[in-house]
C-alpha atoms as a PDB file:
ATOM      1  CA  MET A   1      -8.965  13.335  -4.024  1.00  0.00           C
ATOM      2  CA  THR A   2     -11.859  12.490  -1.703  1.00  0.00           C
ATOM      3  CA  ALA A   3     -13.265   9.049  -0.974  1.00  0.00           C
ATOM      4  CA  ALA A   4     -16.103   9.786  -3.394  1.00  0.00           C
ATOM      5  CA  ASP A   5     -13.581  10.760  -6.091  1.00  0.00           C
ATOM      6  CA  TRP A   6     -11.732   7.490  -5.615  1.00  0.00           C
ATOM      7  CA  LEU A   7     -14.893   5.391  -5.815  1.00  0.00           C
ATOM      8  CA  GLU A   8     -15.965   7.280  -8.932  1.00  0.00           C
ATOM      9  CA  ARG A   9     -12.635   6.543 -10.609  1.00  0.00           C
ATOM     10  CA  TRP A  10     -13.203   2.831 -10.157  1.00  0.00           C
ATOM     11  CA  GLN A  11     -16.783   3.044 -11.364  1.00  0.00           C
ATOM     12  CA  GLN A  12     -15.648   4.857 -14.512  1.00  0.00           C
ATOM     13  CA  GLY A  13     -12.593   2.650 -15.060  1.00  0.00           C
ATOM     14  CA  ARG A  14     -10.162   5.595 -14.762  1.00  0.00           C
ATOM     15  CA  ILE A  15      -7.418   3.464 -13.230  1.00  0.00           C
ATOM     16  CA  GLY A  16      -4.384   4.229 -15.349  1.00  0.00           C
ATOM     17  CA  PHE A  17      -2.218   3.522 -12.303  1.00  0.00           C
ATOM     18  CA  HIS A  18      -3.093  -0.194 -12.480  1.00  0.00           C
ATOM     19  CA  ARG A  19      -0.469  -2.522 -13.968  1.00  0.00           C
ATOM     20  CA  GLU A  20      -1.211  -5.921 -15.502  1.00  0.00           C
ATOM     21  CA  ALA A  21       2.097  -7.348 -14.261  1.00  0.00           C
ATOM     22  CA  PRO A  22       4.077  -7.084 -11.023  1.00  0.00           C
ATOM     23  CA  HIS A  23       5.951  -3.806 -10.734  1.00  0.00           C
ATOM     24  CA  PRO A  24       9.615  -4.142 -11.800  1.00  0.00           C
ATOM     25  CA  ALA A  25      10.776  -2.324  -8.653  1.00  0.00           C
ATOM     26  CA  LEU A  26       9.039  -4.923  -6.492  1.00  0.00           C
ATOM     27  CA  THR A  27      10.632  -7.887  -8.228  1.00  0.00           C
ATOM     28  CA  ALA A  28      14.040  -6.198  -8.333  1.00  0.00           C
ATOM     29  CA  HIS A  29      14.264  -4.862  -4.785  1.00  0.00           C
ATOM     30  CA  TRP A  30      12.011  -6.991  -2.586  1.00  0.00           C
ATOM     31  CA  PRO A  31      14.509  -9.855  -2.136  1.00  0.00           C
ATOM     32  CA  ALA A  32      16.965  -7.413  -0.487  1.00  0.00           C
ATOM     33  CA  ILE A  33      14.368  -6.388   2.119  1.00  0.00           C
ATOM     34  CA  GLY A  34      15.279  -9.496   4.094  1.00  0.00           C
ATOM     35  CA  LEU A  35      11.886 -10.625   5.394  1.00  0.00           C
ATOM     36  CA  GLU A  36      11.110 -14.268   6.036  1.00  0.00           C
ATOM     37  CA  ALA A  37       8.636 -15.775   3.591  1.00  0.00           C
ATOM     38  CA  GLU A  38       6.033 -16.159   6.355  1.00  0.00           C
ATOM     39  CA  ALA A  39       6.139 -12.447   7.274  1.00  0.00           C
ATOM     40  CA  ARG A  40       2.725 -10.804   6.889  1.00  0.00           C
ATOM     41  CA  ILE A  41       2.732  -7.865   4.470  1.00  0.00           C
ATOM     42  CA  LEU A  42       0.457  -4.825   4.558  1.00  0.00           C
ATOM     43  CA  VAL A  43      -0.474  -3.293   1.185  1.00  0.00           C
ATOM     44  CA  PRO A  44      -2.346  -0.017   1.811  1.00  0.00           C
ATOM     45  CA  LEU A  45      -4.655   1.404  -0.896  1.00  0.00           C
ATOM     46  CA  CYS A  46      -4.050  -1.838  -2.749  1.00  0.00           C
ATOM     47  CA  GLY A  47      -6.594  -1.569  -5.571  1.00  0.00           C
ATOM     48  CA  LYS A  48      -6.479  -4.816  -7.581  1.00  0.00           C
ATOM     49  CA  SER A  49      -2.703  -4.819  -7.800  1.00  0.00           C
ATOM     50  CA  ARG A  50      -1.071  -7.960  -9.140  1.00  0.00           C
ATOM     51  CA  ASP A  51       1.847  -7.120  -6.860  1.00  0.00           C
ATOM     52  CA  MET A  52      -0.160  -8.780  -4.081  1.00  0.00           C
ATOM     53  CA  ARG A  53      -0.211 -12.077  -5.976  1.00  0.00           C
ATOM     54  CA  TRP A  54       3.552 -11.838  -6.515  1.00  0.00           C
ATOM     55  CA  LEU A  55       4.096 -11.362  -2.770  1.00  0.00           C
ATOM     56  CA  ALA A  56       1.744 -14.243  -1.976  1.00  0.00           C
ATOM     57  CA  GLU A  57       3.509 -16.506  -4.484  1.00  0.00           C
ATOM     58  CA  HIS A  58       6.736 -15.767  -2.602  1.00  0.00           C
ATOM     59  CA  GLY A  59       5.245 -17.075   0.634  1.00  0.00           C
ATOM     60  CA  HIS A  60       3.902 -13.922   2.259  1.00  0.00           C
ATOM     61  CA  PRO A  61       0.439 -13.677   3.794  1.00  0.00           C
ATOM     62  CA  VAL A  62      -0.859 -10.393   2.326  1.00  0.00           C
ATOM     63  CA  LEU A  63      -3.286  -7.965   3.904  1.00  0.00           C
ATOM     64  CA  GLY A  64      -4.579  -5.311   1.504  1.00  0.00           C
ATOM     65  CA  ILE A  65      -6.683  -2.300   2.480  1.00  0.00           C
ATOM     66  CA  GLU A  66      -8.876  -0.816  -0.254  1.00  0.00           C
ATOM     67  CA  LEU A  67     -11.764   1.650  -0.230  1.00  0.00           C
ATOM     68  CA  SER A  68     -13.433   0.442  -3.437  1.00  0.00           C
ATOM     69  CA  PRO A  69     -15.444  -2.798  -3.272  1.00  0.00           C
ATOM     70  CA  LEU A  70     -15.325  -2.889  -7.073  1.00  0.00           C
ATOM     71  CA  ALA A  71     -11.513  -3.092  -6.970  1.00  0.00           C
ATOM     72  CA  ILE A  72     -11.704  -6.038  -4.589  1.00  0.00           C
ATOM     73  CA  GLU A  73     -14.247  -7.862  -6.738  1.00  0.00           C
ATOM     74  CA  GLN A  74     -12.109  -7.350  -9.821  1.00  0.00           C
ATOM     75  CA  PHE A  75      -9.071  -8.656  -7.950  1.00  0.00           C
ATOM     76  CA  VAL A  76     -10.639 -11.924  -6.820  1.00  0.00           C
ATOM     77  CA  ALA A  77     -12.099 -12.435 -10.308  1.00  0.00           C
ATOM     78  CA  GLN A  78      -8.516 -12.770 -11.600  1.00  0.00           C
ATOM     79  CA  SER A  79      -8.225 -16.198  -9.956  1.00  0.00           C
ATOM     80  CA  ALA A  80     -10.330 -19.357  -9.754  1.00  0.00           C
ATOM     81  CA  GLN A  81      -9.346 -19.885  -6.110  1.00  0.00           C
ATOM     82  CA  PRO A  82     -12.252 -20.073  -3.642  1.00  0.00           C
ATOM     83  CA  VAL A  83     -13.272 -16.846  -1.916  1.00  0.00           C
ATOM     84  CA  LEU A  84     -14.251 -16.480   1.733  1.00  0.00           C
ATOM     85  CA  ARG A  85     -16.180 -13.386   2.859  1.00  0.00           C
ATOM     86  CA  TYR A  86     -16.749 -12.200   6.410  1.00  0.00           C
ATOM     87  CA  ARG A  87     -17.321  -9.087   8.468  1.00  0.00           C
ATOM     88  CA  GLN A  88     -14.691  -7.630  10.794  1.00  0.00           C
ATOM     89  CA  PRO A  89     -16.554  -5.576  13.400  1.00  0.00           C
ATOM     90  CA  GLU A  90     -15.193  -2.308  14.695  1.00  0.00           C
ATOM     91  CA  SER A  91     -16.216  -1.036  18.100  1.00  0.00           C
ATOM     92  CA  GLY A  92     -18.881   1.653  17.720  1.00  0.00           C
ATOM     93  CA  LYS A  93     -18.460   1.785  13.928  1.00  0.00           C
ATOM     94  CA  SER A  94     -19.541  -0.100  10.836  1.00  0.00           C
ATOM     95  CA  GLY A  95     -16.374  -2.201  10.516  1.00  0.00           C
ATOM     96  CA  PHE A  96     -14.788  -3.749   7.428  1.00  0.00           C
ATOM     97  CA  ASP A  97     -16.049  -6.177   4.810  1.00  0.00           C
ATOM     98  CA  CYS A  98     -13.272  -8.723   4.347  1.00  0.00           C
ATOM     99  CA  THR A  99     -12.525 -11.011   1.417  1.00  0.00           C
ATOM    100  CA  ARG A 100     -10.009 -13.826   1.592  1.00  0.00           C
ATOM    101  CA  GLN A 101      -8.580 -15.713  -1.378  1.00  0.00           C
ATOM    102  CA  GLY A 102      -5.717 -18.065  -0.666  1.00  0.00           C
ATOM    103  CA  ASN A 103      -3.278 -16.242   1.596  1.00  0.00           C
ATOM    104  CA  ILE A 104      -4.438 -12.795   0.419  1.00  0.00           C
ATOM    105  CA  GLU A 105      -6.884 -10.972   2.679  1.00  0.00           C
ATOM    106  CA  LEU A 106      -8.568  -7.773   1.464  1.00  0.00           C
ATOM    107  CA  TRP A 107     -10.293  -5.363   3.825  1.00  0.00           C
ATOM    108  CA  CYS A 108     -12.735  -2.911   2.283  1.00  0.00           C
ATOM    109  CA  GLY A 109     -12.700   0.450   4.033  1.00  0.00           C
ATOM    110  CA  ASP A 110     -10.706   3.503   5.072  1.00  0.00           C
ATOM    111  CA  VAL A 111      -7.050   2.725   5.744  1.00  0.00           C
ATOM    112  CA  PHE A 112      -7.011   5.312   8.554  1.00  0.00           C
ATOM    113  CA  ARG A 113      -9.612   3.283  10.447  1.00  0.00           C
ATOM    114  CA  PHE A 114      -7.525   0.144  10.285  1.00  0.00           C
ATOM    115  CA  GLN A 115      -5.881  -0.419  13.663  1.00  0.00           C
ATOM    116  CA  VAL A 116      -3.206  -2.700  15.107  1.00  0.00           C
ATOM    117  CA  ASP A 117      -5.715  -4.871  16.975  1.00  0.00           C
ATOM    118  CA  HIS A 118      -7.569  -5.702  13.765  1.00  0.00           C
ATOM    119  CA  ALA A 119      -5.061  -8.279  12.561  1.00  0.00           C
ATOM    120  CA  ALA A 120      -2.094 -10.450  13.378  1.00  0.00           C
ATOM    121  CA  GLU A 121       1.297  -8.807  13.590  1.00  0.00           C
ATOM    122  CA  LEU A 122       2.460  -6.980  10.485  1.00  0.00           C
ATOM    123  CA  ALA A 123       6.168  -7.417   9.820  1.00  0.00           C
ATOM    124  CA  GLY A 124       6.313  -5.723   6.432  1.00  0.00           C
ATOM    125  CA  PHE A 125       4.612  -3.425   3.954  1.00  0.00           C
ATOM    126  CA  TYR A 126       4.594  -2.540   0.290  1.00  0.00           C
ATOM    127  CA  ASP A 127       3.442   0.913  -0.858  1.00  0.00           C
ATOM    128  CA  ARG A 128       3.432   1.577  -4.576  1.00  0.00           C
ATOM    129  CA  ALA A 129       0.330   3.748  -4.827  1.00  0.00           C
ATOM    130  CA  ALA A 130      -0.722   4.892  -1.360  1.00  0.00           C
ATOM    131  CA  LEU A 131       1.478   7.834  -0.379  1.00  0.00           C
ATOM    132  CA  VAL A 132       1.416   9.299  -3.901  1.00  0.00           C
ATOM    133  CA  ALA A 133      -2.394   9.013  -3.993  1.00  0.00           C
ATOM    134  CA  LEU A 134      -2.826  11.209  -0.929  1.00  0.00           C
ATOM    135  CA  PRO A 135      -2.981  15.008  -0.988  1.00  0.00           C
ATOM    136  CA  PRO A 136      -0.346  16.865   1.061  1.00  0.00           C
ATOM    137  CA  ALA A 137      -2.630  17.360   4.066  1.00  0.00           C
ATOM    138  CA  ALA A 138      -3.077  13.594   4.512  1.00  0.00           C
ATOM    139  CA  ARG A 139       0.509  12.441   4.033  1.00  0.00           C
ATOM    140  CA  GLN A 140       1.771  13.243   7.533  1.00  0.00           C
ATOM    141  CA  ARG A 141      -1.174  11.367   9.029  1.00  0.00           C
ATOM    142  CA  TYR A 142      -0.480   8.418   6.758  1.00  0.00           C
ATOM    143  CA  ALA A 143       3.226   8.281   7.631  1.00  0.00           C
ATOM    144  CA  HIS A 144       2.459   8.201  11.358  1.00  0.00           C
ATOM    145  CA  HIS A 145      -0.335   5.647  10.885  1.00  0.00           C
ATOM    146  CA  LEU A 146       1.917   3.309   8.899  1.00  0.00           C
ATOM    147  CA  ALA A 147       4.523   3.408  11.663  1.00  0.00           C
ATOM    148  CA  GLN A 148       1.885   2.546  14.256  1.00  0.00           C
ATOM    149  CA  LEU A 149       0.721  -0.503  12.310  1.00  0.00           C
ATOM    150  CA  LEU A 150       4.133  -2.133  11.881  1.00  0.00           C
ATOM    151  CA  LEU A 151       6.146  -4.110  14.367  1.00  0.00           C
ATOM    152  CA  PRO A 152       9.456  -2.563  15.480  1.00  0.00           C
ATOM    153  CA  GLY A 153      11.950  -3.669  12.863  1.00  0.00           C
ATOM    154  CA  GLY A 154       9.141  -4.000  10.313  1.00  0.00           C
ATOM    155  CA  ARG A 155      10.350  -3.207   6.846  1.00  0.00           C
ATOM    156  CA  GLY A 156       9.229  -2.771   3.289  1.00  0.00           C
ATOM    157  CA  LEU A 157       9.347  -0.851   0.044  1.00  0.00           C
ATOM    158  CA  LEU A 158       7.961   2.593  -0.712  1.00  0.00           C
ATOM    159  CA  ILE A 159       7.715   3.754  -4.326  1.00  0.00           C
ATOM    160  CA  THR A 160       7.265   7.483  -4.928  1.00  0.00           C
ATOM    161  CA  LEU A 161       6.920   9.670  -7.998  1.00  0.00           C
ATOM    162  CA  THR A 162       8.012  13.204  -8.790  1.00  0.00           C
ATOM    163  CA  HIS A 163       6.939  15.544 -11.582  1.00  0.00           C
ATOM    164  CA  ASP A 164       6.953  19.266 -12.315  1.00  0.00           C
ATOM    165  CA  ASP A 165       3.224  20.072 -11.992  1.00  0.00           C
ATOM    166  CA  PRO A 166       2.133  20.782  -8.394  1.00  0.00           C
ATOM    167  CA  GLU A 167      -1.532  20.714  -9.469  1.00  0.00           C
ATOM    168  CA  ARG A 168      -1.266  17.273 -11.060  1.00  0.00           C
ATOM    169  CA  GLY A 169      -2.443  14.219  -9.240  1.00  0.00           C
ATOM    170  CA  PRO A 170      -3.010  11.618  -8.254  1.00  0.00           C
ATOM    171  CA  PRO A 171      -0.382  10.420  -8.475  1.00  0.00           C
ATOM    172  CA  PHE A 172       0.956  13.448  -6.664  1.00  0.00           C
ATOM    173  CA  SER A 173       4.580  14.488  -6.774  1.00  0.00           C
ATOM    174  CA  VAL A 174       6.344  13.588  -3.515  1.00  0.00           C
ATOM    175  CA  THR A 175       9.924  14.836  -3.366  1.00  0.00           C
ATOM    176  CA  HIS A 176      12.842  13.126  -1.658  1.00  0.00           C
ATOM    177  CA  GLU A 177      12.885  15.916   0.908  1.00  0.00           C
ATOM    178  CA  GLU A 178       9.245  15.301   1.753  1.00  0.00           C
ATOM    179  CA  VAL A 179       9.763  11.556   2.063  1.00  0.00           C
ATOM    180  CA  GLU A 180      12.625  12.131   4.500  1.00  0.00           C
ATOM    181  CA  SER A 181      10.599  14.653   6.491  1.00  0.00           C
ATOM    182  CA  LEU A 182       7.571  12.360   6.709  1.00  0.00           C
ATOM    183  CA  MET A 183       9.259   9.028   7.323  1.00  0.00           C
ATOM    184  CA  SER A 184      12.601   9.617   9.061  1.00  0.00           C
ATOM    185  CA  PRO A 185      11.099  10.155  12.548  1.00  0.00           C
ATOM    186  CA  ASN A 186      10.003   6.509  12.597  1.00  0.00           C
ATOM    187  CA  PHE A 187      11.921   4.768   9.806  1.00  0.00           C
ATOM    188  CA  GLU A 188      15.469   4.260   8.619  1.00  0.00           C
ATOM    189  CA  LEU A 189      15.440   5.180   4.933  1.00  0.00           C
ATOM    190  CA  THR A 190      17.593   3.909   2.086  1.00  0.00           C
ATOM    191  CA  LEU A 191      17.102   5.278  -1.414  1.00  0.00           C
ATOM    192  CA  CYS A 192      17.524   2.207  -3.633  1.00  0.00           C
ATOM    193  CA  ASP A 193      16.848   3.559  -7.105  1.00  0.00           C
ATOM    194  CA  VAL A 194      15.778   6.625  -9.102  1.00  0.00           C
ATOM    195  CA  SER A 195      14.669   6.141 -12.698  1.00  0.00           C
ATOM    196  CA  PRO A 196      12.458   7.728 -15.357  1.00  0.00           C
ATOM    197  CA  ALA A 197       8.905   6.427 -15.578  1.00  0.00           C
ATOM    198  CA  GLU A 198       5.982   7.004 -17.942  1.00  0.00           C
ATOM    199  CA  ASP A 199       4.353  10.394 -18.656  1.00  0.00           C
ATOM    200  CA  GLY A 200       7.336  12.481 -17.604  1.00  0.00           C
ATOM    201  CA  LEU A 201       7.447  11.044 -14.095  1.00  0.00           C
ATOM    202  CA  THR A 202      10.525  10.106 -12.110  1.00  0.00           C
ATOM    203  CA  GLU A 203      10.195   7.053  -9.888  1.00  0.00           C
ATOM    204  CA  SER A 204      12.093   6.530  -6.644  1.00  0.00           C
ATOM    205  CA  VAL A 205      12.320   3.308  -4.662  1.00  0.00           C
ATOM    206  CA  TRP A 206      12.936   3.415  -0.918  1.00  0.00           C
ATOM    207  CA  LYS A 207      13.731   0.689   1.564  1.00  0.00           C
ATOM    208  CA  MET A 208      12.246   1.530   4.970  1.00  0.00           C
ATOM    209  CA  VAL A 209      12.872  -0.089   8.362  1.00  0.00           C
ATOM    210  CA  ARG A 210      10.830   0.913  11.375  1.00  0.00           C
ATOM    211  CA  ARG A 211      13.123   2.228  14.123  1.00  0.00           C
ATOM    212  CA  GLY A 212      11.028   1.248  17.130  1.00  0.00           C
ATOM    213  CA  PRO A 213       7.815   2.376  18.787  1.00  0.00           C
ATOM    214  CA  ALA A 214       6.126   5.114  16.708  1.00  0.00           C
ATOM    215  CA  SER A 215       6.968   8.609  17.933  1.00  0.00           C
END
């Protein structure tokens, strides 16, 4: 799954991963995360997820990172709230096009180019479709990058999927063993739930708390 593949999916409307309602795991498990309502939440590879509106409705400023400008335009079209657009420069590079609607801020660009100094402190995160969208070679980089972006003690939910076809994806199958290998160096992990999902998938919900400075 390259950047071009991802953009093509949005152009063609091949976004079966999108849900028209907040994810049940978010509504069930987020209250136990224990973040203050004002805590700023990172949503990587956010698409046009309605989960972001749920988080915002519960008091969280939300910062979503998404490669597809079409996804961002479709997201803001869901609401009649005013939209503010601006450019976030990046030293020596093209930067990010940013869209703000209420207390949801969407940055259009590569999540791996998003750095700590781009935004106010991030106390939490929500990942339903980021880790499972990445091929194996990119997952280690993503795990380390996520740890770098969060404050020590930052916490959130990770939702992963497993299935029996190693060639299938995205979403790719990410086993419990892989999650522990990727995340345990920098996060305390708690497996909150394992349940069957659609299309023969098994869904796992993890609570993650950042241990301290990223190692």
